[in-house]
C-alpha atoms as a PDB file:
ATOM      1  CA  MET A   1     -36.515 -15.096 -23.661  1.00  0.00           C
ATOM      2  CA  LEU A   2     -36.442 -11.485 -22.509  1.00  0.00           C
ATOM      3  CA  GLN A   3     -35.978 -12.562 -18.876  1.00  0.00           C
ATOM      4  CA  TYR A   4     -33.105 -14.817 -19.925  1.00  0.00           C
ATOM      5  CA  ALA A   5     -31.441 -12.053 -21.966  1.00  0.00           C
ATOM      6  CA  VAL A   6     -31.748  -9.485 -19.158  1.00  0.00           C
ATOM      7  CA  TRP A   7     -30.530 -12.039 -16.582  1.00  0.00           C
ATOM      8  CA  THR A   8     -27.511 -12.846 -18.784  1.00  0.00           C
ATOM      9  CA  MET A   9     -26.638  -9.172 -19.332  1.00  0.00           C
ATOM     10  CA  LEU A  10     -26.915  -8.337 -15.617  1.00  0.00           C
ATOM     11  CA  THR A  11     -24.814 -11.360 -14.658  1.00  0.00           C
ATOM     12  CA  ALA A  12     -22.152 -10.390 -17.223  1.00  0.00           C
ATOM     13  CA  GLU A  13     -21.933  -6.999 -15.487  1.00  0.00           C
ATOM     14  CA  GLY A  14     -21.317  -8.688 -12.112  1.00  0.00           C
ATOM     15  CA  TYR A  15     -24.816  -8.456 -10.642  1.00  0.00           C
ATOM     16  CA  GLY A  16     -26.598 -11.182  -8.723  1.00  0.00           C
ATOM     17  CA  VAL A  17     -30.094 -11.850 -10.093  1.00  0.00           C
ATOM     18  CA  ASN A  18     -33.182 -13.552  -8.658  1.00  0.00           C
ATOM     19  CA  LEU A  19     -36.439 -14.081 -10.567  1.00  0.00           C
ATOM     20  CA  GLN A  20     -39.452 -14.303  -8.230  1.00  0.00           C
ATOM     21  CA  HIS A  21     -42.861 -15.427  -9.511  1.00  0.00           C
ATOM     22  CA  TYR A  22     -46.096 -14.284  -7.874  1.00  0.00           C
ATOM     23  CA  ASP A  23     -49.687 -15.372  -7.600  1.00  0.00           C
ATOM     24  CA  PRO A  24     -52.414 -12.766  -8.275  1.00  0.00           C
ATOM     25  CA  MET A  25     -52.934 -11.975  -4.573  1.00  0.00           C
ATOM     26  CA  PRO A  26     -50.640  -8.868  -4.366  1.00  0.00           C
ATOM     27  CA  ASP A  27     -51.896  -7.324  -7.653  1.00  0.00           C
ATOM     28  CA  ALA A  28     -54.442  -4.916  -6.119  1.00  0.00           C
ATOM     29  CA  ALA A  29     -52.090  -3.655  -3.406  1.00  0.00           C
ATOM     30  CA  ALA A  30     -49.210  -3.188  -5.865  1.00  0.00           C
ATOM     31  CA  ALA A  31     -51.484  -1.406  -8.368  1.00  0.00           C
ATOM     32  CA  LYS A  32     -52.670   0.988  -5.678  1.00  0.00           C
ATOM     33  CA  GLU A  33     -49.177   1.652  -4.264  1.00  0.00           C
ATOM     34  CA  TRP A  34     -47.474   2.363  -7.609  1.00  0.00           C
ATOM     35  CA  ASN A  35     -50.438   3.548  -9.708  1.00  0.00           C
ATOM     36  CA  ILE A  36     -50.298   0.544 -12.039  1.00  0.00           C
ATOM     37  CA  PRO A  37     -53.117   0.262 -14.615  1.00  0.00           C
ATOM     38  CA  ALA A  38     -55.887  -2.078 -13.447  1.00  0.00           C
ATOM     39  CA  ASP A  39     -55.626  -4.268 -16.565  1.00  0.00           C
ATOM     40  CA  TRP A  40     -51.975  -5.153 -15.835  1.00  0.00           C
ATOM     41  CA  SER A  41     -51.103  -8.223 -13.738  1.00  0.00           C
ATOM     42  CA  LEU A  42     -47.966  -9.037 -11.778  1.00  0.00           C
ATOM     43  CA  LYS A  43     -46.327 -12.240 -13.029  1.00  0.00           C
ATOM     44  CA  ALA A  44     -42.737 -11.977 -11.806  1.00  0.00           C
ATOM     45  CA  GLN A  45     -40.164  -9.601 -10.408  1.00  0.00           C
ATOM     46  CA  MET A  46     -36.468  -9.661 -11.307  1.00  0.00           C
ATOM     47  CA  VAL A  47     -34.468  -8.490  -8.313  1.00  0.00           C
ATOM     48  CA  PHE A  48     -30.803  -7.643  -8.872  1.00  0.00           C
ATOM     49  CA  GLY A  49     -27.869  -6.057  -7.095  1.00  0.00           C
ATOM     50  CA  LYS A  50     -24.192  -6.415  -6.309  1.00  0.00           C
ATOM     51  CA  PRO A  51     -23.600  -9.698  -4.427  1.00  0.00           C
ATOM     52  CA  ALA A  52     -22.464  -9.275  -0.830  1.00  0.00           C
ATOM     53  CA  GLY A  53     -21.005 -12.781  -0.647  1.00  0.00           C
ATOM     54  CA  PRO A  54     -19.954 -15.665  -2.872  1.00  0.00           C
ATOM     55  CA  ARG A  55     -21.809 -15.699  -6.181  1.00  0.00           C
ATOM     56  CA  ILE A  56     -22.571 -19.397  -6.124  1.00  0.00           C
ATOM     57  CA  MET A  57     -23.555 -20.805  -2.774  1.00  0.00           C
ATOM     58  CA  PRO A  58     -23.176 -24.569  -2.340  1.00  0.00           C
ATOM     59  CA  LYS A  59     -26.509 -26.309  -1.987  1.00  0.00           C
ATOM     60  CA  GLU A  60     -27.096 -29.621  -0.264  1.00  0.00           C
ATOM     61  CA  TYR A  61     -29.887 -31.936  -1.376  1.00  0.00           C
ATOM     62  CA  GLU A  62     -31.469 -34.995   0.140  1.00  0.00           C
ATOM     63  CA  PRO A  63     -31.073 -38.088  -2.049  1.00  0.00           C
ATOM     64  CA  ALA A  64     -33.530 -38.002  -4.971  1.00  0.00           C
ATOM     65  CA  GLU A  65     -35.214 -41.208  -3.821  1.00  0.00           C
ATOM     66  CA  ASP A  66     -36.128 -39.451  -0.536  1.00  0.00           C
ATOM     67  CA  ARG A  67     -37.569 -36.378  -2.325  1.00  0.00           C
ATOM     68  CA  MET A  68     -39.663 -37.891  -5.099  1.00  0.00           C
ATOM     69  CA  MET A  69     -41.699 -40.922  -6.078  1.00  0.00           C
ATOM     70  CA  MET A  70     -41.842 -42.568  -9.490  1.00  0.00           C
ATOM     71  CA  PHE A  71     -44.748 -44.652 -10.705  1.00  0.00           C
ATOM     72  CA  GLY A  72     -44.783 -46.957 -13.728  1.00  0.00           C
ATOM     73  CA  ALA A  73     -41.058 -46.753 -14.409  1.00  0.00           C
END
């Protein structure tokens, strides 16, 4: 809920926001670089800034039947 609230507030102020999730692999390097306590773990990073282009970019998808399979339906 906190991520959603922060995302909503940043968007209302005109920022573009991207939430990136991570696996544990970069934890040790990030902890060393920024002196993060060893018992903390990196789960996600919320990147934000002023958009340089259109806020909503059109996205094209392949037809759903080409991208997924359903069994037992």
